[in-house]
Amino acid sequence: MTPDQTMPEQVNGAELLDEVAETITRYVVLPSDAALTAVVLWIGATHAVPAWNCAPRLVIRAPEKRCGKSRLLDMADGMVHRPLMTTNASPSAVYRSIGLMPSDPPTLLIDEADTIFGPKAGDHEDLRGLLNAGHQRGRPTLRYDAGSKNVERIETFAMAALAGIGTMPDTIEDRAAVIRMRRRAAGETVQPYRVRRDGPVLADLRNRLHAWVIMHLDELTNAAPTMPLEDRAADTWEPLIALADLAGGRWPQAARGAALTLLAELQDSTEVSQSVRLLTDCRTAFGAATALPSTVLAQRLRADEESPWQEMPAPGGLTVRRLAALLREFDITPKNHRWEDGTQSKGYTRDDFADAWARYCPEPAENGSSQSTVTNRPNRPIAGHAGDGSVPWDGSNRPNDPSVPALTWAGTVGTDGTDDPEKPAQAATCIRCRRPLSHDDGSRTHPNCA
């Protein structure tokens, strides 16, 4: 060893993990610091499989294409221990890959996992069973070999990462650190990844991670970190937190915070194309309104005869509760609002949707490109709204629709519900009686309605 080479025992674990994190963010935009922390620790934990009783899964999922999930899997492929990348593998091939070297199994990296577990892909119970059993040490599978007339004991214990669109099976996500990727917004840039050019950088980090971890394998084997979680979640996160404690610095606190944050974010999601359709239809339903009650938003969505919202399994189609569950995947939640008529109920504002609209369904600009800013112009009218006078786009409580609570919009808008000055404008209305205002003194009520 030359004098300028660093001995493994001299490695600063915290700085090494920081370097791994910095390298990942050079090529991928992670949704949060918690997600980045989990990915870095999972990559490091693959180098210490002999020390673990549980092999946590890493699930990388996104609601739509082009969210960076495959690129993040490339980062793992370059830095994990003995990577075995596949996009479609038979259970027998995976069994054999692990069973050939049970003392030093490969790290399984499964891309396009939605094609394996998706609704059109069949059950794949054998592969799901392998991934579930391989989460815990000492859960081999048994196969009968007719040729030798013997029962084979095949090990399943190995680290595994899965990337795909939509949720993975519940039994897999229950054993995983789940990273919910999202599409890059305007201004979020990354460096292109090229294997020939950038692969050696990742390989160097992989070698240094392995050397550092192996020097402390006994310490990791006997580690009993204080866990902020219980039951299976604690089993899954224990290797990651043990590695963070070994590294020191900011990592012990960051690891525990990431565990709590990612588990809190984990929830059921729905078919991706339906999710993006919902976002687009919500933007249409909002029109020029700045806020809408949950009941009104659900009503407008159900009113579109071409949408799937009337035909949902829930009684009555898209209910307020079901709407909240679908939007929660995009971090959009209803909040209590006090409306102009004095009532109070839960609802949404345009600002609640702005980030998701910009990421997943940006409106096309006049030059044909997509723009990330959200405008007030609806894509198309929904039957029963903004055009027939029954429920105006501004969300106001007109006399012919007394069920809709009054909202804050009372400005001048075009007849198509937009703020386009080229369109004929309709006068601002009194927030009390909804009759047109004839004065221009800045007040929003008639003198006798105040």
Protein backbone atom coordinates (compact mmCIF):
# COMPACT_ATOMS: atom_id res chain seq x y z
CA MET A 1 0.00 0.00 0.00
CA THR A 2 1.39 3.36 -1.01
CA PRO A 3 1.69 6.17 1.55
CA ASP A 4 -1.11 8.22 -0.05
CA GLN A 5 -3.64 5.39 0.26
CA THR A 6 -6.04 5.62 3.21
CA MET A 7 -6.27 2.69 5.57
CA PRO A 8 -9.85 1.47 6.09
CA GLU A 9 -9.67 2.11 9.82
CA GLN A 10 -8.85 5.75 9.10
CA VAL A 11 -12.01 6.34 7.09
CA ASN A 12 -14.41 8.90 8.50
CA GLY A 13 -17.76 7.15 8.04
CA ALA A 14 -19.84 10.30 8.25
CA GLU A 15 -17.78 12.02 5.56
CA LEU A 16 -17.93 8.93 3.35
CA LEU A 17 -21.72 8.80 3.57
CA ASP A 18 -21.83 12.54 2.88
CA GLU A 19 -19.82 11.90 -0.27
CA VAL A 20 -22.23 9.18 -1.36
CA ALA A 21 -25.17 11.54 -0.79
CA GLU A 22 -23.47 14.33 -2.74
CA THR A 23 -22.78 11.97 -5.64
CA ILE A 24 -26.39 10.77 -5.81
CA THR A 25 -27.79 14.31 -5.86
CA ARG A 26 -25.48 15.13 -8.74
CA TYR A 27 -27.55 12.83 -10.97
CA VAL A 28 -30.95 12.53 -9.27
CA VAL A 29 -33.36 14.91 -7.55
CA LEU A 30 -34.71 13.14 -4.47
CA PRO A 31 -38.10 14.18 -3.07
CA SER A 32 -36.73 14.97 0.40
CA ASP A 33 -33.71 14.82 2.68
CA ALA A 34 -35.34 11.83 4.40
CA ALA A 35 -35.46 9.95 1.11
CA LEU A 36 -31.81 10.72 0.37
CA THR A 37 -30.79 9.59 3.86
CA ALA A 38 -32.62 6.28 3.45
CA VAL A 39 -31.08 5.60 0.03
CA VAL A 40 -27.53 6.32 1.20
CA LEU A 41 -27.87 4.12 4.29
CA TRP A 42 -29.49 1.30 2.32
CA ILE A 43 -26.62 1.33 -0.19
CA GLY A 44 -24.12 1.18 2.66
CA ALA A 45 -26.06 -1.59 4.41
CA THR A 46 -25.74 -3.90 1.37
CA HIS A 47 -22.03 -4.22 2.19
CA ALA A 48 -22.76 -5.68 5.63
CA VAL A 49 -25.31 -8.42 4.87
CA PRO A 50 -23.57 -10.97 7.17
CA ALA A 51 -24.25 -8.63 10.11
CA TRP A 52 -28.01 -8.31 9.61
CA ASN A 53 -30.93 -10.39 10.76
CA CYS A 54 -33.24 -8.58 8.33
CA ALA A 55 -32.50 -7.41 4.80
CA PRO A 56 -34.57 -4.26 4.24
CA ARG A 57 -36.09 -3.70 0.83
CA LEU A 58 -35.82 -0.38 -0.98
CA VAL A 59 -38.94 0.50 -2.97
CA ILE A 60 -38.54 3.34 -5.46
CA ARG A 61 -41.93 4.26 -6.86
CA ALA A 62 -43.43 7.17 -8.74
CA PRO A 63 -46.91 8.17 -9.85
CA GLU A 64 -45.78 8.67 -13.47
CA LYS A 65 -42.92 8.17 -15.91
CA ARG A 66 -39.82 10.41 -15.99
CA CYS A 67 -39.54 10.81 -12.23
CA GLY A 68 -35.96 9.52 -11.91
CA LYS A 69 -36.64 6.10 -10.40
CA SER A 70 -34.50 4.18 -12.94
CA ARG A 71 -31.68 6.70 -12.58
CA LEU A 72 -31.74 6.24 -8.82
CA LEU A 73 -31.54 2.49 -9.37
CA ASP A 74 -28.48 3.17 -11.57
CA MET A 75 -26.89 4.90 -8.60
CA ALA A 76 -27.55 1.84 -6.47
CA ASP A 77 -26.22 -0.43 -9.20
CA GLY A 78 -22.93 1.45 -9.13
CA MET A 79 -22.44 1.45 -5.36
CA VAL A 80 -24.14 -1.57 -3.73
CA HIS A 81 -22.38 -4.82 -2.96
CA ARG A 82 -22.53 -7.39 -5.78
CA PRO A 83 -25.35 -5.78 -7.78
CA LEU A 84 -27.63 -8.02 -9.83
CA MET A 85 -29.78 -5.82 -12.06
CA THR A 86 -32.80 -7.19 -13.90
CA THR A 87 -36.02 -5.94 -15.44
CA ASN A 88 -37.72 -9.33 -15.68
CA ALA A 89 -36.56 -12.41 -13.79
CA SER A 90 -38.13 -15.77 -13.15
CA PRO A 91 -38.39 -16.89 -9.52
CA SER A 92 -36.15 -19.89 -10.24
CA ALA A 93 -33.39 -17.64 -11.63
CA VAL A 94 -33.55 -15.41 -8.56
CA TYR A 95 -33.55 -18.41 -6.22
CA ARG A 96 -30.46 -19.80 -7.91
CA SER A 97 -28.67 -16.45 -7.93
CA ILE A 98 -29.03 -16.20 -4.17
CA GLY A 99 -28.54 -19.89 -3.43
CA LEU A 100 -25.25 -20.20 -5.31
CA MET A 101 -23.50 -18.05 -2.68
CA PRO A 102 -25.76 -17.88 0.40
CA SER A 103 -22.92 -16.51 2.55
CA ASP A 104 -22.37 -13.59 0.16
CA PRO A 105 -25.61 -13.12 -1.80
CA PRO A 106 -26.02 -10.52 -4.55
CA THR A 107 -28.04 -7.34 -4.12
CA LEU A 108 -31.15 -7.70 -6.26
CA LEU A 109 -32.08 -4.61 -8.28
CA ILE A 110 -35.41 -5.03 -10.07
CA ASP A 111 -36.38 -2.25 -12.48
CA GLU A 112 -39.84 -1.92 -14.08
CA ALA A 113 -41.25 -3.84 -11.12
CA ASP A 114 -44.75 -2.62 -12.02
CA THR A 115 -44.64 -4.99 -15.02
CA ILE A 116 -44.11 -7.87 -12.59
CA PHE A 117 -46.65 -6.93 -9.92
CA GLY A 118 -48.96 -4.63 -11.86
CA PRO A 119 -52.67 -5.40 -12.44
CA LYS A 120 -51.99 -6.81 -15.92
CA ALA A 121 -48.98 -8.91 -14.93
CA GLY A 122 -50.63 -11.71 -13.00
CA ASP A 123 -50.01 -12.58 -9.40
CA HIS A 124 -46.35 -13.71 -9.48
CA GLU A 125 -46.86 -15.19 -6.04
CA ASP A 126 -43.60 -17.18 -6.22
CA LEU A 127 -41.48 -14.07 -6.73
CA ARG A 128 -43.44 -12.13 -4.15
CA GLY A 129 -43.00 -14.98 -1.69
CA LEU A 130 -39.26 -15.03 -2.34
CA LEU A 131 -38.93 -11.31 -1.72
CA ASN A 132 -41.04 -11.54 1.42
CA ALA A 133 -39.18 -14.54 2.82
CA GLY A 134 -35.78 -13.08 1.95
CA HIS A 135 -36.42 -10.14 4.24
CA GLN A 136 -35.52 -12.24 7.28
CA ARG A 137 -32.59 -14.55 7.78
CA GLY A 138 -33.30 -18.26 8.11
CA ARG A 139 -36.38 -18.40 5.85
CA PRO A 140 -35.25 -20.71 3.02
CA THR A 141 -37.51 -22.20 0.39
CA LEU A 142 -37.76 -25.92 -0.19
CA ARG A 143 -37.82 -27.49 -3.64
CA TYR A 144 -38.01 -31.15 -4.59
CA ASP A 145 -35.42 -32.33 -7.12
CA ALA A 146 -36.99 -35.23 -8.99
CA GLY A 147 -33.65 -36.21 -10.53
CA SER A 148 -31.86 -36.77 -7.23
CA LYS A 149 -35.09 -37.47 -5.33
CA ASN A 150 -33.95 -35.02 -2.68
CA VAL A 151 -35.45 -31.94 -1.11
CA GLU A 152 -33.33 -28.86 -1.78
CA ARG A 153 -32.99 -26.08 0.75
CA ILE A 154 -32.51 -22.79 -1.13
CA GLU A 155 -31.61 -19.64 0.76
CA THR A 156 -33.60 -16.48 0.09
CA PHE A 157 -31.90 -13.93 2.35
CA ALA A 158 -30.61 -10.98 0.29
CA MET A 159 -30.95 -7.23 -0.01
CA ALA A 160 -33.33 -6.10 -2.76
CA ALA A 161 -34.48 -2.87 -4.39
CA LEU A 162 -37.51 -2.51 -6.64
CA ALA A 163 -38.35 0.44 -8.89
CA GLY A 164 -41.61 0.97 -10.75
CA ILE A 165 -44.70 3.05 -11.35
CA GLY A 166 -47.34 2.93 -8.66
CA THR A 167 -47.38 0.98 -5.45
CA MET A 168 -45.76 -2.40 -4.93
CA PRO A 169 -47.62 -5.22 -3.18
CA ASP A 170 -48.43 -4.35 0.42
CA THR A 171 -46.36 -7.25 1.74
CA ILE A 172 -43.27 -5.87 0.01
CA GLU A 173 -43.75 -2.22 0.96
CA ASP A 174 -44.31 -3.32 4.54
CA ARG A 175 -40.71 -4.60 4.51
CA ALA A 176 -39.19 -1.62 2.75
CA ALA A 177 -38.00 1.92 2.96
CA VAL A 178 -40.33 3.47 0.37
CA ILE A 179 -39.05 6.36 -1.74
CA ARG A 180 -41.84 8.25 -3.50
CA MET A 181 -40.15 9.92 -6.46
CA ARG A 182 -41.62 12.90 -8.26
CA ARG A 183 -40.97 14.62 -11.55
CA ARG A 184 -38.37 17.37 -11.61
CA ALA A 185 -39.81 20.87 -11.61
CA ALA A 186 -38.48 23.82 -13.56
CA GLY A 187 -35.16 24.89 -12.11
CA GLU A 188 -34.29 21.43 -10.75
CA THR A 189 -31.36 20.27 -12.85
CA VAL A 190 -29.12 17.22 -12.73
CA GLN A 191 -26.01 16.05 -14.50
CA PRO A 192 -26.50 13.35 -17.16
CA TYR A 193 -25.22 9.95 -16.05
CA ARG A 194 -22.97 8.02 -18.41
CA VAL A 195 -21.73 4.61 -17.30
CA ARG A 196 -18.36 4.80 -19.03
CA ARG A 197 -17.62 8.28 -17.78
CA ASP A 198 -19.25 8.28 -14.34
CA GLY A 199 -19.22 4.58 -13.48
CA PRO A 200 -15.65 4.64 -12.11
CA VAL A 201 -16.66 7.35 -9.60
CA LEU A 202 -19.42 5.12 -8.25
CA ALA A 203 -17.15 2.07 -8.28
CA ASP A 204 -14.58 3.92 -6.17
CA LEU A 205 -17.27 4.79 -3.62
CA ARG A 206 -18.47 1.18 -3.62
CA ASN A 207 -14.97 -0.10 -2.86
CA ARG A 208 -14.43 2.44 -0.09
CA LEU A 209 -17.83 1.68 1.45
CA HIS A 210 -17.08 -2.03 1.44
CA ALA A 211 -13.64 -1.58 3.00
CA TRP A 212 -15.04 0.64 5.75
CA VAL A 213 -18.01 -1.60 6.56
CA ILE A 214 -16.00 -4.84 6.59
CA MET A 215 -13.57 -3.37 9.12
CA HIS A 216 -16.54 -2.87 11.50
CA LEU A 217 -18.55 -6.00 10.69
CA ASP A 218 -18.35 -7.40 14.24
CA GLU A 219 -19.48 -4.06 15.67
CA LEU A 220 -22.46 -3.99 13.30
CA THR A 221 -23.33 -7.61 14.08
CA ASN A 222 -23.60 -6.83 17.80
CA ALA A 223 -25.26 -3.45 17.34
CA ALA A 224 -28.52 -2.82 19.21
CA PRO A 225 -29.47 0.72 18.22
CA THR A 226 -32.20 2.63 19.99
CA MET A 227 -35.15 2.46 17.61
CA PRO A 228 -37.92 5.04 17.17
CA LEU A 229 -40.11 2.31 15.63
CA GLU A 230 -41.60 -1.02 16.63
CA ASP A 231 -42.37 -4.42 15.14
CA ARG A 232 -41.58 -5.05 11.47
CA ALA A 233 -40.75 -1.41 10.80
CA ALA A 234 -38.04 -1.62 13.46
CA ASP A 235 -36.68 -4.81 11.88
CA THR A 236 -36.53 -3.11 8.50
CA TRP A 237 -34.83 0.07 9.67
CA GLU A 238 -32.46 -1.44 12.24
CA PRO A 239 -29.61 -2.13 9.75
CA LEU A 240 -29.85 1.41 8.36
CA ILE A 241 -29.85 3.03 11.79
CA ALA A 242 -27.03 0.77 13.01
CA LEU A 243 -24.92 1.90 10.07
CA ALA A 244 -25.80 5.54 10.78
CA ASP A 245 -24.73 5.14 14.42
CA LEU A 246 -21.43 3.64 13.22
CA ALA A 247 -20.84 6.62 10.93
CA GLY A 248 -21.67 9.22 13.58
CA GLY A 249 -21.85 12.92 12.85
CA ARG A 250 -25.30 14.00 11.66
CA TRP A 251 -26.26 10.53 10.48
CA PRO A 252 -27.74 8.97 13.66
CA GLN A 253 -30.28 11.76 14.04
CA ALA A 254 -30.92 11.95 10.28
CA ALA A 255 -31.55 8.21 10.08
CA ARG A 256 -34.14 8.18 12.85
CA GLY A 257 -35.84 11.23 11.41
CA ALA A 258 -35.93 9.62 7.97
CA ALA A 259 -37.48 6.45 9.37
CA LEU A 260 -40.31 8.37 11.02
CA THR A 261 -40.83 10.67 8.04
CA LEU A 262 -40.96 7.98 5.35
CA LEU A 263 -43.22 5.74 7.37
CA ALA A 264 -45.59 8.63 7.97
CA GLU A 265 -45.67 9.33 4.23
CA LEU A 266 -46.32 5.73 3.26
CA GLN A 267 -49.88 5.18 2.11
CA ASP A 268 -51.91 3.40 -0.50
CA SER A 269 -51.87 4.92 -3.96
CA THR A 270 -53.97 4.39 -7.07
CA GLU A 271 -53.42 3.74 -10.71
CA VAL A 272 -51.03 6.39 -11.98
CA SER A 273 -52.85 7.42 -15.13
CA GLN A 274 -55.97 7.91 -13.05
CA SER A 275 -54.01 10.02 -10.55
CA VAL A 276 -52.75 12.41 -13.21
CA ARG A 277 -56.22 12.52 -14.78
CA LEU A 278 -57.55 13.56 -11.39
CA LEU A 279 -55.03 16.40 -11.13
CA THR A 280 -55.93 17.65 -14.59
CA ASP A 281 -59.66 17.44 -13.92
CA CYS A 282 -59.23 19.27 -10.61
CA ARG A 283 -57.53 22.13 -12.43
CA THR A 284 -60.44 22.24 -14.86
CA ALA A 285 -62.96 22.16 -12.03
CA PHE A 286 -61.24 25.03 -10.23
CA GLY A 287 -61.44 27.36 -13.20
CA ALA A 288 -60.79 30.84 -11.84
CA ALA A 289 -61.74 30.01 -8.26
CA THR A 290 -59.09 30.54 -5.60
CA ALA A 291 -60.67 27.98 -3.24
CA LEU A 292 -63.37 25.33 -3.31
CA PRO A 293 -65.08 23.28 -0.62
CA SER A 294 -64.38 19.55 -0.85
CA THR A 295 -68.03 18.85 -1.59
CA VAL A 296 -68.08 21.31 -4.49
CA LEU A 297 -64.85 19.97 -6.00
CA ALA A 298 -66.13 16.39 -5.82
CA GLN A 299 -69.48 17.51 -7.29
CA ARG A 300 -67.80 19.18 -10.25
CA LEU A 301 -65.60 16.16 -10.93
CA ARG A 302 -68.60 13.82 -10.90
CA ALA A 303 -70.47 16.15 -13.26
CA ASP A 304 -68.10 15.40 -16.13
CA GLU A 305 -69.78 12.58 -18.03
CA GLU A 306 -66.52 11.70 -19.81
CA SER A 307 -64.55 11.20 -16.60
CA PRO A 308 -64.22 7.99 -14.55
CA TRP A 309 -65.36 9.70 -11.35
CA GLN A 310 -69.04 8.76 -11.63
CA GLU A 311 -68.21 5.09 -12.07
CA MET A 312 -65.89 4.61 -9.10
CA PRO A 313 -66.72 1.64 -6.84
CA ALA A 314 -67.56 3.87 -3.89
CA PRO A 315 -71.33 4.43 -3.54
CA GLY A 316 -72.26 7.58 -5.39
CA GLY A 317 -69.04 7.69 -7.38
CA LEU A 318 -66.22 9.95 -6.19
CA THR A 319 -66.92 10.82 -2.56
CA VAL A 320 -65.21 13.56 -0.58
CA ARG A 321 -63.34 10.96 1.44
CA ARG A 322 -62.18 9.08 -1.65
CA LEU A 323 -61.07 12.35 -3.26
CA ALA A 324 -58.94 13.18 -0.22
CA ALA A 325 -57.34 9.72 -0.33
CA LEU A 326 -56.45 10.06 -4.03
CA LEU A 327 -54.98 13.53 -3.66
CA ARG A 328 -52.96 12.63 -0.57
CA GLU A 329 -50.49 10.73 -2.78
CA PHE A 330 -49.48 14.15 -4.17
CA ASP A 331 -49.26 15.68 -0.67
CA ILE A 332 -52.53 17.57 -1.20
CA THR A 333 -54.81 17.54 1.84
CA PRO A 334 -58.02 19.43 2.59
CA LYS A 335 -57.97 22.14 5.25
CA ASN A 336 -60.65 23.91 7.24
CA HIS A 337 -61.87 27.15 5.64
CA ARG A 338 -64.41 29.74 6.68
CA TRP A 339 -66.50 30.70 3.67
CA GLU A 340 -68.17 34.02 2.92
CA ASP A 341 -71.59 32.81 4.08
CA GLY A 342 -70.19 32.16 7.56
CA THR A 343 -70.09 28.37 7.23
CA GLN A 344 -66.94 26.41 7.89
CA SER A 345 -65.90 23.21 6.16
CA LYS A 346 -62.89 21.52 4.62
CA GLY A 347 -61.73 22.49 1.18
CA TYR A 348 -58.81 23.12 -1.16
CA THR A 349 -57.06 26.17 -2.56
CA ARG A 350 -55.29 26.58 -5.88
CA ASP A 351 -52.00 26.88 -4.02
CA ASP A 352 -52.52 23.36 -2.64
CA PHE A 353 -52.36 22.02 -6.21
CA ALA A 354 -49.74 24.34 -7.71
CA ASP A 355 -46.71 22.12 -7.16
CA ALA A 356 -48.40 18.91 -8.36
CA TRP A 357 -49.85 20.63 -11.43
CA ALA A 358 -46.42 22.02 -12.34
CA ARG A 359 -44.73 18.62 -11.96
CA TYR A 360 -47.22 16.19 -13.47
CA CYS A 361 -49.53 18.08 -15.84
CA PRO A 362 -48.04 21.47 -16.81
CA GLU A 363 -50.20 23.36 -19.27
CA PRO A 364 -48.76 23.81 -22.78
CA ALA A 365 -47.46 27.27 -23.55
CA GLU A 366 -48.37 29.09 -26.74
CA ASN A 367 -45.17 27.86 -28.42
CA GLY A 368 -46.18 24.25 -27.81
CA SER A 369 -43.79 23.57 -24.95
CA SER A 370 -44.89 22.76 -21.42
CA GLN A 371 -44.81 25.47 -18.82
CA SER A 372 -44.47 24.81 -15.14
CA THR A 373 -46.52 27.74 -13.97
CA VAL A 374 -50.19 27.17 -13.26
CA THR A 375 -52.66 29.47 -14.94
CA ASN A 376 -56.27 30.24 -14.14
CA ARG A 377 -57.64 29.18 -17.51
CA PRO A 378 -59.61 25.91 -17.37
CA ASN A 379 -58.83 23.33 -20.05
CA ARG A 380 -62.50 22.73 -20.88
CA PRO A 381 -65.85 23.27 -19.22
CA ILE A 382 -67.45 20.50 -17.20
CA ALA A 383 -71.08 19.70 -17.88
CA GLY A 384 -73.30 21.66 -15.55
CA HIS A 385 -70.70 24.34 -14.82
CA ALA A 386 -69.26 27.54 -16.28
CA GLY A 387 -71.45 27.99 -19.27
CA ASP A 388 -74.96 27.09 -18.25
CA GLY A 389 -75.00 29.33 -15.18
CA SER A 390 -75.72 26.54 -12.67
CA VAL A 391 -72.38 26.63 -10.85
CA PRO A 392 -70.03 29.44 -11.90
CA TRP A 393 -66.27 28.90 -12.16
CA ASP A 394 -65.63 31.49 -9.48
CA GLY A 395 -67.32 29.23 -6.93
CA SER A 396 -69.86 31.87 -5.93
CA ASN A 397 -73.21 31.03 -4.38
CA ARG A 398 -75.68 32.17 -7.02
CA PRO A 399 -79.43 32.05 -6.23
CA ASN A 400 -79.91 29.11 -8.63
CA ASP A 401 -77.38 27.00 -6.69
CA PRO A 402 -77.93 27.63 -2.97
CA SER A 403 -76.07 24.45 -1.98
CA VAL A 404 -72.68 25.91 -2.85
CA PRO A 405 -71.11 27.99 -0.06
CA ALA A 406 -70.00 31.48 -1.00
CA LEU A 407 -66.29 31.88 -1.65
CA THR A 408 -63.95 34.82 -1.76
CA TRP A 409 -63.97 35.46 -5.51
CA ALA A 410 -65.94 38.57 -6.46
CA GLY A 411 -63.75 40.16 -9.10
CA THR A 412 -64.42 40.85 -12.78
CA VAL A 413 -63.97 37.80 -15.00
CA GLY A 414 -64.54 36.95 -18.64
CA THR A 415 -67.65 35.12 -19.73
CA ASP A 416 -65.66 31.91 -20.12
CA GLY A 417 -64.60 32.07 -16.47
CA THR A 418 -61.06 33.29 -17.11
CA ASP A 419 -59.36 36.59 -16.42
CA ASP A 420 -58.79 37.19 -20.14
CA PRO A 421 -59.27 40.95 -20.77
CA GLU A 422 -60.14 40.25 -24.40
CA LYS A 423 -63.30 38.43 -23.39
CA PRO A 424 -66.52 40.27 -22.50
CA ALA A 425 -66.53 40.78 -18.74
CA GLN A 426 -69.34 40.29 -16.32
CA ALA A 427 -69.67 42.72 -13.44
CA ALA A 428 -68.46 41.93 -9.94
CA THR A 429 -71.23 40.69 -7.69
CA CYS A 430 -72.24 41.44 -4.12
CA ILE A 431 -70.99 38.72 -1.79
CA ARG A 432 -74.28 38.90 0.13
CA CYS A 433 -77.08 38.94 -2.46
CA ARG A 434 -75.05 38.05 -5.59
CA ARG A 435 -76.60 40.89 -7.60
CA PRO A 436 -74.21 42.96 -9.77
CA LEU A 437 -72.41 45.83 -8.05
CA SER A 438 -73.07 49.22 -9.67
CA HIS A 439 -70.52 51.17 -7.62
CA ASP A 440 -66.75 51.13 -7.95
CA ASP A 441 -65.62 52.19 -4.49
CA GLY A 442 -63.75 48.95 -3.74
CA SER A 443 -66.41 47.54 -1.43
CA ARG A 444 -67.84 44.09 -2.09
CA THR A 445 -71.41 44.55 -0.86
CA HIS A 446 -74.41 46.79 -1.57
CA PRO A 447 -74.93 49.43 1.16
CA ASN A 448 -78.20 47.81 2.20
CA CYS A 449 -76.61 44.34 2.32
CA ALA A 450 -73.69 45.25 4.58
